Amino acid sequence: MKVTLVGAGPGDPDLITLKGVKALQKARVVLYDALIHPDLLDHCSEDCVKVHVGKRFGQHSCSQDVINFLIVEYAYQYGEVVRLKGGDPYVFGRGYEEVEFAARHGIESEVIPGISSSYAVPATVGIPLTSRGVSESFWVVTGTTKSHQMSSDLALAAQSSATVVVLMGVHKLPEIVEIYSGLGKLDQPIAIIQNGTLPNQKIVTGKISNILPLAQVSRISSPAIIVIGKAAALPDSATEIAQQVAVRSDLMS
């Protein structure tokens, strides 16, 4: 008996790994999350059992206990289970909890890493989490802990000069603004990317001082990723440089 945790990537179905596709092609049972792109299930065979076990903020969904139980039940029934999870299974994906539960029931496991939305989504809109002279490191923090509270690590991250990425934190945006405002960082650049890597991707950029009304006007909602720090403003700088180059080219022609 075996369970294989497969990282599906940040959303775009083309961003799953080749090894992940091969696992889906051989799967007899797939338990998949809410944010999984439906096209990924096309890699499965026709007789593959596909079970939706998604969890989304503010919506009725399977609890983690139920998901753990289903993994074990299907593994005993079919021998092997593929657990298809958004992003990377071990980056805020509760992957280790599922591996640990399976192990207690005598089921071996394999983890096929996926591209994490924490760095892939910012990259798709031109935000580098690190850039020489701008940011030497980055933090990835969850906006929703097990107790549904903002992670206390954010207050520590906000004191640094690093780029800060907040996952699952749009509903905590007022708290995030309050933390940065309390540190006197009202001018800190911030970007919010909704539905990252997908055709309906939406981005809102601003500063801590004005991001709340901007997000409200743009009707930003989950799923979205928040990027805070000087690096969040780099795409705007690149655009300005490109425009200046274009103007100089026009003048010289």
Protein backbone atom coordinates (compact mmCIF):
# COMPACT_ATOMS: atom_id res chain seq x y z
CA MET A 1 0.00 0.00 0.00
CA LYS A 2 1.23 3.45 -0.87
CA VAL A 3 0.17 7.10 -0.99
CA THR A 4 1.92 9.49 -3.37
CA LEU A 5 1.65 13.20 -2.61
CA VAL A 6 1.88 15.19 -5.85
CA GLY A 7 2.39 18.93 -5.98
CA ALA A 8 0.18 20.37 -8.73
CA GLY A 9 1.90 23.75 -8.88
CA PRO A 10 0.42 27.25 -8.50
CA GLY A 11 -2.59 26.94 -10.83
CA ASP A 12 -1.55 26.84 -14.47
CA PRO A 13 -1.87 23.15 -15.44
CA ASP A 14 1.33 23.38 -17.49
CA LEU A 15 3.32 24.07 -14.32
CA ILE A 16 3.00 20.58 -12.86
CA THR A 17 6.21 18.53 -12.99
CA LEU A 18 6.72 15.69 -15.47
CA LYS A 19 7.04 13.26 -12.57
CA GLY A 20 3.71 14.47 -11.24
CA VAL A 21 2.06 13.84 -14.62
CA LYS A 22 3.47 10.30 -14.70
CA ALA A 23 2.03 9.64 -11.24
CA LEU A 24 -1.41 10.79 -12.38
CA GLN A 25 -1.24 8.60 -15.48
CA LYS A 26 -0.68 5.52 -13.32
CA ALA A 27 -3.11 6.48 -10.56
CA ARG A 28 -6.00 4.23 -9.60
CA VAL A 29 -7.39 6.77 -7.13
CA VAL A 30 -6.80 10.53 -6.98
CA LEU A 31 -7.87 12.68 -4.05
CA TYR A 32 -7.63 16.28 -5.26
CA ASP A 33 -7.89 19.75 -3.73
CA ALA A 34 -10.28 22.59 -4.54
CA LEU A 35 -7.70 24.75 -6.32
CA ILE A 36 -6.52 21.98 -8.65
CA HIS A 37 -6.97 22.93 -12.31
CA PRO A 38 -9.53 20.50 -13.82
CA ASP A 39 -7.30 19.88 -16.86
CA LEU A 40 -4.85 18.02 -14.63
CA LEU A 41 -7.38 15.24 -14.14
CA ASP A 42 -7.26 14.60 -17.89
CA HIS A 43 -3.91 12.89 -17.28
CA CYS A 44 -5.72 10.17 -15.32
CA SER A 45 -6.99 6.98 -16.92
CA GLU A 46 -10.71 6.59 -17.62
CA ASP A 47 -11.17 4.06 -14.80
CA CYS A 48 -9.34 6.18 -12.23
CA VAL A 49 -11.46 7.07 -9.20
CA LYS A 50 -11.37 10.86 -8.72
CA VAL A 51 -12.45 12.24 -5.36
CA HIS A 52 -12.76 15.97 -4.59
CA VAL A 53 -11.59 16.71 -1.05
CA GLY A 54 -10.94 20.42 -1.40
CA LYS A 55 -10.75 22.95 1.40
CA ARG A 56 -11.41 26.64 0.71
CA PHE A 57 -11.72 29.57 3.08
CA GLY A 58 -15.31 30.36 4.01
CA GLN A 59 -16.79 27.37 2.19
CA HIS A 60 -18.01 23.96 3.27
CA SER A 61 -15.26 21.42 2.69
CA CYS A 62 -13.67 18.20 3.91
CA SER A 63 -11.85 18.44 7.20
CA GLN A 64 -8.27 17.25 7.43
CA ASP A 65 -9.39 14.33 9.57
CA VAL A 66 -11.78 13.19 6.84
CA ILE A 67 -9.06 13.50 4.19
CA ASN A 68 -6.66 11.44 6.30
CA PHE A 69 -9.31 8.76 6.74
CA LEU A 70 -10.04 8.65 2.99
CA ILE A 71 -6.35 8.26 2.14
CA VAL A 72 -6.13 5.20 4.35
CA GLU A 73 -9.45 3.72 3.25
CA TYR A 74 -8.67 4.03 -0.47
CA ALA A 75 -5.12 2.77 0.03
CA TYR A 76 -6.47 -0.40 1.67
CA GLN A 77 -9.09 -0.78 -1.06
CA TYR A 78 -6.99 0.00 -4.16
CA GLY A 79 -3.42 -0.46 -2.97
CA GLU A 80 -2.22 2.97 -4.11
CA VAL A 81 -3.55 6.51 -3.77
CA VAL A 82 -2.39 9.75 -5.38
CA ARG A 83 -3.03 12.82 -3.25
CA LEU A 84 -3.00 15.81 -5.61
CA LYS A 85 -2.31 19.04 -3.74
CA GLY A 86 -1.96 22.64 -4.90
CA GLY A 87 1.50 24.18 -4.97
CA ASP A 88 4.00 22.05 -3.06
CA PRO A 89 2.70 19.46 -0.57
CA TYR A 90 5.22 20.49 2.06
CA VAL A 91 4.71 24.27 1.85
CA PHE A 92 1.60 25.02 3.93
CA GLY A 93 -0.02 21.99 2.35
CA ARG A 94 -0.38 19.75 5.42
CA GLY A 95 1.50 17.14 3.45
CA TYR A 96 3.50 15.85 6.38
CA GLU A 97 0.32 15.39 8.44
CA GLU A 98 -1.04 13.08 5.73
CA VAL A 99 2.23 11.15 5.41
CA GLU A 100 2.42 10.73 9.18
CA PHE A 101 -1.19 9.51 9.43
CA ALA A 102 -0.66 7.03 6.59
CA ALA A 103 2.51 5.72 8.25
CA ARG A 104 0.60 5.00 11.46
CA HIS A 105 -1.63 2.73 9.40
CA GLY A 106 1.20 0.87 7.72
CA ILE A 107 1.07 2.78 4.42
CA GLU A 108 4.30 3.92 2.79
CA SER A 109 4.51 7.27 1.06
CA GLU A 110 6.31 9.23 -1.63
CA VAL A 111 6.38 12.99 -2.11
CA ILE A 112 6.65 14.53 -5.58
CA PRO A 113 7.40 18.22 -5.00
CA GLY A 114 5.51 20.91 -6.86
CA ILE A 115 6.21 24.51 -7.82
CA SER A 116 5.14 26.61 -4.85
CA SER A 117 2.84 29.56 -5.47
CA SER A 118 4.86 31.49 -2.88
CA TYR A 119 7.57 32.27 -5.43
CA ALA A 120 5.98 31.27 -8.76
CA VAL A 121 3.04 33.68 -8.61
CA PRO A 122 5.16 36.77 -7.84
CA ALA A 123 7.53 35.76 -10.65
CA THR A 124 4.69 35.65 -13.20
CA VAL A 125 3.92 39.33 -12.55
CA GLY A 126 7.58 40.35 -12.59
CA ILE A 127 8.27 40.43 -8.85
CA PRO A 128 11.61 38.87 -7.85
CA LEU A 129 11.59 37.87 -4.20
CA THR A 130 15.31 38.56 -4.05
CA SER A 131 17.28 41.08 -6.07
CA ARG A 132 20.78 42.39 -5.49
CA GLY A 133 20.71 45.69 -3.63
CA VAL A 134 16.98 45.42 -2.96
CA SER A 135 16.22 42.25 -1.01
CA GLU A 136 18.69 39.66 0.27
CA SER A 137 16.12 37.16 1.55
CA PHE A 138 12.41 36.44 1.84
CA TRP A 139 9.91 35.15 4.36
CA VAL A 140 6.89 33.02 3.51
CA VAL A 141 4.18 33.33 6.15
CA THR A 142 0.69 31.90 6.39
CA GLY A 143 -2.19 34.26 7.00
CA THR A 144 -4.31 31.48 8.46
CA THR A 145 -2.89 29.27 11.19
CA LYS A 146 -4.56 26.18 12.66
CA SER A 147 -6.31 28.46 15.16
CA HIS A 148 -7.43 30.76 12.29
CA GLN A 149 -5.22 33.54 13.63
CA MET A 150 -2.59 35.59 11.83
CA SER A 151 0.82 33.98 12.24
CA SER A 152 2.89 35.71 14.92
CA ASP A 153 5.88 35.35 12.58
CA LEU A 154 4.54 38.18 10.45
CA ALA A 155 5.38 40.74 13.14
CA LEU A 156 8.97 39.47 13.09
CA ALA A 157 9.14 39.40 9.29
CA ALA A 158 7.80 42.94 9.06
CA GLN A 159 10.75 44.22 11.09
CA SER A 160 13.24 42.90 8.55
CA SER A 161 14.32 44.30 5.19
CA ALA A 162 13.36 41.02 3.48
CA THR A 163 10.55 40.50 1.00
CA VAL A 164 7.53 39.07 2.82
CA VAL A 165 5.08 36.72 1.11
CA VAL A 166 1.77 36.03 2.85
CA LEU A 167 -0.26 33.03 1.72
CA MET A 168 -3.97 32.70 2.50
CA GLY A 169 -3.99 36.17 4.02
CA VAL A 170 -6.35 38.39 2.02
CA HIS A 171 -9.02 38.21 4.72
CA LYS A 172 -6.36 39.34 7.19
CA LEU A 173 -5.29 42.36 5.13
CA PRO A 174 -6.45 44.93 7.75
CA GLU A 175 -4.34 43.14 10.38
CA ILE A 176 -1.35 43.07 8.04
CA VAL A 177 -1.69 46.80 7.38
CA GLU A 178 -1.96 47.44 11.12
CA ILE A 179 1.27 45.54 11.82
CA TYR A 180 3.25 47.45 9.19
CA SER A 181 1.67 50.77 10.14
CA GLY A 182 2.69 50.20 13.76
CA LEU A 183 6.29 49.89 12.57
CA GLY A 184 6.07 53.15 10.64
CA LYS A 185 6.25 51.40 7.27
CA LEU A 186 3.36 53.14 5.56
CA ASP A 187 5.41 53.66 2.38
CA GLN A 188 6.30 49.99 2.05
CA PRO A 189 5.30 48.68 -1.42
CA ILE A 190 2.74 45.88 -1.50
CA ALA A 191 1.22 43.77 -4.25
CA ILE A 192 -1.74 41.39 -4.14
CA ILE A 193 -2.07 38.77 -6.88
CA GLN A 194 -5.36 36.91 -7.20
CA ASN A 195 -5.66 33.67 -9.23
CA GLY A 196 -1.96 33.74 -9.98
CA THR A 197 -0.72 32.06 -13.23
CA LEU A 198 -4.30 31.67 -14.52
CA PRO A 199 -6.03 33.59 -17.36
CA ASN A 200 -8.19 35.48 -14.85
CA GLN A 201 -5.18 36.62 -12.83
CA LYS A 202 -5.62 40.03 -11.21
CA ILE A 203 -3.02 42.22 -9.53
CA VAL A 204 -3.32 45.27 -7.32
CA THR A 205 -0.25 47.25 -6.29
CA GLY A 206 0.18 50.11 -3.89
CA LYS A 207 1.62 50.94 -0.51
CA ILE A 208 0.66 49.93 3.00
CA SER A 209 -0.94 53.35 3.38
CA ASN A 210 -3.44 52.90 0.53
CA ILE A 211 -3.75 49.17 -0.18
CA LEU A 212 -6.99 48.67 1.77
CA PRO A 213 -9.15 50.98 -0.40
CA LEU A 214 -7.36 49.79 -3.55
CA ALA A 215 -8.10 46.16 -2.72
CA GLN A 216 -11.71 47.01 -1.95
CA VAL A 217 -12.25 48.87 -5.22
CA SER A 218 -10.62 46.04 -7.18
CA ARG A 219 -12.69 43.45 -5.27
CA ILE A 220 -9.65 41.32 -4.57
CA SER A 221 -10.53 38.02 -2.92
CA SER A 222 -9.11 34.56 -2.26
CA PRO A 223 -7.16 32.79 -3.55
CA ALA A 224 -4.51 35.47 -3.58
CA ILE A 225 -0.91 36.04 -2.55
CA ILE A 226 0.41 39.15 -0.85
CA VAL A 227 3.95 40.40 -1.46
CA ILE A 228 5.37 43.16 0.76
CA GLY A 229 8.71 44.91 0.43
CA LYS A 230 10.80 46.96 -1.97
CA ALA A 231 10.85 44.08 -4.46
CA ALA A 232 7.08 44.42 -4.90
CA ALA A 233 7.67 47.75 -6.69
CA LEU A 234 10.33 46.46 -9.10
CA PRO A 235 7.92 45.66 -11.98
CA ASP A 236 6.82 49.33 -11.96
CA SER A 237 10.47 50.42 -12.06
CA ALA A 238 11.14 48.11 -15.00
CA THR A 239 8.14 49.56 -16.84
CA GLU A 240 9.37 53.11 -16.25
CA ILE A 241 12.83 52.19 -17.57
CA ALA A 242 11.29 50.57 -20.67
CA GLN A 243 9.19 53.69 -21.30
CA GLN A 244 12.23 55.94 -20.96
CA VAL A 245 14.18 53.76 -23.40
CA ALA A 246 11.25 53.90 -25.84
CA VAL A 247 11.14 57.71 -25.62
CA ARG A 248 14.90 57.97 -26.24
CA SER A 249 14.56 55.64 -29.22
CA ASP A 250 11.78 57.82 -30.68
CA LEU A 251 13.90 60.94 -30.24
CA MET A 252 16.87 59.33 -31.98
CA SER A 253 14.86 58.00 -34.92
